[in-house]
Amino acid sequence: MAAKNENKEKLHFALGRENYKLLAIGFAIIVVGFLLMLGGKSEDPNEFNEKIFSFRRITLAPIVVLAGFIFEIWAIMKKPGEDQ
C-alpha cells in the first residue's frame, strides 16, 4: 500500500511552468530578430543592392536576437515561484 502512495507523489521538473512560458517568449523574440534580417536581395543577381546594409538588418536585428538569448538565459535561471 505504501508503494502506491509513493507513485502518486507530484513529479518535480527542473523548471516551473512560468519558466517554460518565459522560454517560449524568448524563443519568439529570437525568431522576430531573424525575421528582421530577411530581405534586401536584388532582382538582378548582377546588380548590387544597398538595402542589405539597412539599419534594420545590420543593427536592429542582431540586437533583438541578442536580447532574446539574454532573455532565454534569464528564463532558465529564474527561480520558480512558491506555488509550483
N, C-alpha and C. Protein backbone atom coordinates (compact mmCIF):
# COMPACT_ATOMS: atom_id res chain seq x y z
N MET A 1 0.82 -1.19 0.00
CA MET A 1 0.00 0.00 0.00
C MET A 1 0.86 1.26 0.00
N ALA A 2 2.00 1.20 0.66
CA ALA A 2 2.89 2.36 0.73
C ALA A 2 3.49 2.67 -0.64
N ALA A 3 3.71 1.65 -1.46
CA ALA A 3 4.28 1.86 -2.78
C ALA A 3 3.32 2.66 -3.68
N LYS A 4 2.03 2.43 -3.53
CA LYS A 4 1.07 3.18 -4.33
C LYS A 4 1.08 4.66 -3.96
N ASN A 5 1.22 4.97 -2.71
CA ASN A 5 1.28 6.36 -2.26
C ASN A 5 2.53 7.06 -2.78
N GLU A 6 3.63 6.34 -2.85
CA GLU A 6 4.88 6.92 -3.35
C GLU A 6 4.76 7.23 -4.85
N ASN A 7 4.05 6.41 -5.59
CA ASN A 7 3.89 6.63 -7.02
C ASN A 7 3.01 7.84 -7.31
N LYS A 8 2.14 8.19 -6.40
CA LYS A 8 1.22 9.31 -6.59
C LYS A 8 1.84 10.65 -6.25
N GLU A 9 3.09 10.65 -5.81
CA GLU A 9 3.74 11.91 -5.48
C GLU A 9 3.85 12.78 -6.73
N LYS A 10 3.85 14.07 -6.50
CA LYS A 10 3.94 15.02 -7.60
C LYS A 10 5.32 14.95 -8.24
N LEU A 11 5.34 14.93 -9.58
CA LEU A 11 6.61 14.93 -10.29
C LEU A 11 7.23 16.32 -10.21
N HIS A 12 8.52 16.36 -10.00
CA HIS A 12 9.23 17.63 -9.91
C HIS A 12 10.12 17.80 -11.13
N PHE A 13 9.82 18.81 -11.91
CA PHE A 13 10.62 19.12 -13.09
C PHE A 13 11.70 20.12 -12.71
N ALA A 14 12.71 20.23 -13.54
CA ALA A 14 13.81 21.14 -13.26
C ALA A 14 13.35 22.59 -13.28
N LEU A 15 12.40 22.90 -14.15
CA LEU A 15 11.89 24.26 -14.27
C LEU A 15 10.39 24.27 -14.01
N GLY A 16 9.91 25.41 -13.57
CA GLY A 16 8.48 25.55 -13.31
C GLY A 16 7.72 25.94 -14.56
N ARG A 17 6.40 25.99 -14.44
CA ARG A 17 5.54 26.34 -15.56
C ARG A 17 5.85 27.75 -16.08
N GLU A 18 6.10 28.67 -15.16
CA GLU A 18 6.42 30.05 -15.54
C GLU A 18 7.71 30.11 -16.36
N ASN A 19 8.69 29.29 -15.98
CA ASN A 19 9.95 29.28 -16.72
C ASN A 19 9.75 28.83 -18.16
N TYR A 20 8.91 27.83 -18.36
CA TYR A 20 8.66 27.35 -19.71
C TYR A 20 7.92 28.40 -20.55
N LYS A 21 7.02 29.14 -19.92
CA LYS A 21 6.35 30.22 -20.64
C LYS A 21 7.36 31.30 -21.04
N LEU A 22 8.26 31.63 -20.14
CA LEU A 22 9.28 32.63 -20.44
C LEU A 22 10.23 32.14 -21.53
N LEU A 23 10.55 30.86 -21.53
CA LEU A 23 11.38 30.30 -22.59
C LEU A 23 10.70 30.43 -23.95
N ALA A 24 9.39 30.20 -23.99
CA ALA A 24 8.66 30.34 -25.25
C ALA A 24 8.67 31.80 -25.72
N ILE A 25 8.53 32.73 -24.79
CA ILE A 25 8.59 34.15 -25.15
C ILE A 25 9.96 34.50 -25.69
N GLY A 26 11.02 34.01 -25.04
CA GLY A 26 12.38 34.26 -25.51
C GLY A 26 12.61 33.69 -26.90
N PHE A 27 12.09 32.50 -27.15
CA PHE A 27 12.22 31.91 -28.48
C PHE A 27 11.52 32.77 -29.52
N ALA A 28 10.35 33.30 -29.18
CA ALA A 28 9.62 34.17 -30.11
C ALA A 28 10.41 35.45 -30.39
N ILE A 29 11.08 35.99 -29.39
CA ILE A 29 11.91 37.19 -29.60
C ILE A 29 13.05 36.89 -30.56
N ILE A 30 13.67 35.73 -30.42
CA ILE A 30 14.77 35.34 -31.31
C ILE A 30 14.25 35.19 -32.74
N VAL A 31 13.10 34.57 -32.90
CA VAL A 31 12.51 34.39 -34.24
C VAL A 31 12.21 35.74 -34.87
N VAL A 32 11.68 36.68 -34.09
CA VAL A 32 11.41 38.03 -34.60
C VAL A 32 12.71 38.67 -35.07
N GLY A 33 13.79 38.50 -34.31
CA GLY A 33 15.08 39.06 -34.70
C GLY A 33 15.56 38.51 -36.03
N PHE A 34 15.41 37.21 -36.23
CA PHE A 34 15.82 36.62 -37.50
C PHE A 34 14.90 37.05 -38.64
N LEU A 35 13.62 37.25 -38.36
CA LEU A 35 12.72 37.74 -39.40
C LEU A 35 13.08 39.17 -39.81
N LEU A 36 13.59 39.95 -38.87
CA LEU A 36 14.02 41.31 -39.20
C LEU A 36 15.22 41.31 -40.15
N MET A 37 15.99 40.24 -40.16
CA MET A 37 17.16 40.15 -41.04
C MET A 37 16.80 39.78 -42.48
N LEU A 38 15.59 39.33 -42.72
CA LEU A 38 15.20 38.88 -44.05
C LEU A 38 15.14 40.01 -45.06
N GLY A 39 15.31 39.65 -46.30
CA GLY A 39 15.12 40.59 -47.41
C GLY A 39 16.40 41.26 -47.84
N GLY A 40 16.25 42.23 -48.74
CA GLY A 40 17.38 43.00 -49.23
C GLY A 40 18.05 42.45 -50.46
N LYS A 41 17.48 41.39 -51.04
CA LYS A 41 18.13 40.84 -52.23
C LYS A 41 17.81 41.68 -53.46
N SER A 42 18.64 41.55 -54.44
CA SER A 42 18.46 42.30 -55.68
C SER A 42 17.66 41.46 -56.67
N GLU A 43 16.89 42.12 -57.50
CA GLU A 43 16.13 41.42 -58.53
C GLU A 43 17.06 40.79 -59.56
N ASP A 44 18.12 41.48 -59.87
CA ASP A 44 19.11 41.00 -60.83
C ASP A 44 20.36 40.58 -60.07
N PRO A 45 20.81 39.34 -60.20
CA PRO A 45 21.98 38.89 -59.45
C PRO A 45 23.28 39.62 -59.83
N ASN A 46 23.29 40.31 -60.97
CA ASN A 46 24.49 41.03 -61.39
C ASN A 46 24.55 42.44 -60.82
N GLU A 47 23.49 42.87 -60.17
CA GLU A 47 23.46 44.21 -59.58
C GLU A 47 23.56 44.11 -58.07
N PHE A 48 24.30 45.07 -57.49
CA PHE A 48 24.44 45.13 -56.04
C PHE A 48 23.33 45.98 -55.45
N ASN A 49 22.72 45.50 -54.38
CA ASN A 49 21.63 46.23 -53.75
C ASN A 49 22.09 46.74 -52.39
N GLU A 50 22.00 48.03 -52.16
CA GLU A 50 22.44 48.65 -50.90
C GLU A 50 21.48 48.35 -49.74
N LYS A 51 20.31 47.80 -50.03
CA LYS A 51 19.33 47.53 -48.97
C LYS A 51 19.82 46.50 -47.95
N ILE A 52 20.81 45.70 -48.32
CA ILE A 52 21.30 44.71 -47.36
C ILE A 52 22.03 45.38 -46.20
N PHE A 53 22.42 46.63 -46.35
CA PHE A 53 23.12 47.34 -45.29
C PHE A 53 22.20 48.30 -44.53
N SER A 54 20.90 48.02 -44.50
CA SER A 54 19.97 48.91 -43.80
C SER A 54 20.15 48.77 -42.29
N PHE A 55 19.70 49.78 -41.57
CA PHE A 55 19.79 49.79 -40.11
C PHE A 55 19.08 48.58 -39.51
N ARG A 56 17.96 48.23 -40.09
CA ARG A 56 17.17 47.11 -39.57
C ARG A 56 17.95 45.80 -39.62
N ARG A 57 18.64 45.55 -40.73
CA ARG A 57 19.35 44.27 -40.90
C ARG A 57 20.70 44.23 -40.21
N ILE A 58 21.39 45.35 -40.15
CA ILE A 58 22.76 45.36 -39.61
C ILE A 58 22.79 45.63 -38.11
N THR A 59 21.88 46.45 -37.61
CA THR A 59 21.95 46.85 -36.21
C THR A 59 20.78 46.32 -35.39
N LEU A 60 19.57 46.60 -35.81
CA LEU A 60 18.39 46.27 -35.01
C LEU A 60 18.21 44.76 -34.84
N ALA A 61 18.26 44.01 -35.91
CA ALA A 61 18.02 42.57 -35.85
C ALA A 61 19.02 41.84 -34.95
N PRO A 62 20.33 42.09 -35.06
CA PRO A 62 21.25 41.41 -34.14
C PRO A 62 21.02 41.79 -32.67
N ILE A 63 20.63 43.03 -32.41
CA ILE A 63 20.35 43.43 -31.03
C ILE A 63 19.12 42.69 -30.51
N VAL A 64 18.10 42.54 -31.34
CA VAL A 64 16.90 41.82 -30.93
C VAL A 64 17.23 40.35 -30.67
N VAL A 65 18.03 39.73 -31.52
CA VAL A 65 18.42 38.33 -31.32
C VAL A 65 19.23 38.18 -30.03
N LEU A 66 20.17 39.06 -29.82
CA LEU A 66 20.98 39.01 -28.59
C LEU A 66 20.10 39.20 -27.36
N ALA A 67 19.15 40.12 -27.42
CA ALA A 67 18.22 40.33 -26.31
C ALA A 67 17.39 39.06 -26.06
N GLY A 68 17.02 38.37 -27.13
CA GLY A 68 16.28 37.12 -26.98
C GLY A 68 17.10 36.06 -26.28
N PHE A 69 18.38 35.94 -26.63
CA PHE A 69 19.24 34.96 -25.97
C PHE A 69 19.47 35.32 -24.50
N ILE A 70 19.63 36.58 -24.21
CA ILE A 70 19.78 37.01 -22.81
C ILE A 70 18.50 36.72 -22.04
N PHE A 71 17.35 36.96 -22.67
CA PHE A 71 16.07 36.66 -22.04
C PHE A 71 15.95 35.16 -21.76
N GLU A 72 16.42 34.33 -22.69
CA GLU A 72 16.39 32.88 -22.51
C GLU A 72 17.22 32.46 -21.29
N ILE A 73 18.41 33.02 -21.16
CA ILE A 73 19.27 32.71 -20.02
C ILE A 73 18.57 33.10 -18.72
N TRP A 74 17.96 34.29 -18.71
CA TRP A 74 17.24 34.75 -17.52
C TRP A 74 16.06 33.82 -17.21
N ALA A 75 15.36 33.38 -18.25
CA ALA A 75 14.20 32.50 -18.05
C ALA A 75 14.62 31.16 -17.44
N ILE A 76 15.78 30.68 -17.81
CA ILE A 76 16.28 29.42 -17.25
C ILE A 76 16.73 29.62 -15.81
N MET A 77 17.38 30.72 -15.53
CA MET A 77 17.94 30.96 -14.20
C MET A 77 16.92 31.44 -13.18
N LYS A 78 15.77 31.93 -13.64
CA LYS A 78 14.76 32.46 -12.73
C LYS A 78 14.27 31.37 -11.80
N LYS A 79 14.20 31.69 -10.52
CA LYS A 79 13.76 30.73 -9.54
C LYS A 79 12.25 30.56 -9.64
N PRO A 80 11.78 29.31 -9.69
CA PRO A 80 10.33 29.09 -9.79
C PRO A 80 9.61 29.62 -8.55
N GLY A 81 8.34 30.00 -8.73
CA GLY A 81 7.55 30.53 -7.63
C GLY A 81 7.20 29.47 -6.61
N GLU A 82 6.62 29.89 -5.50
CA GLU A 82 6.27 29.00 -4.41
C GLU A 82 5.11 28.07 -4.76
N ASP A 83 4.20 28.52 -5.61
CA ASP A 83 3.00 27.73 -5.91
C ASP A 83 3.25 26.59 -6.88
N GLN A 84 4.45 26.42 -7.35
CA GLN A 84 4.72 25.37 -8.34
C GLN A 84 5.30 24.18 -7.69
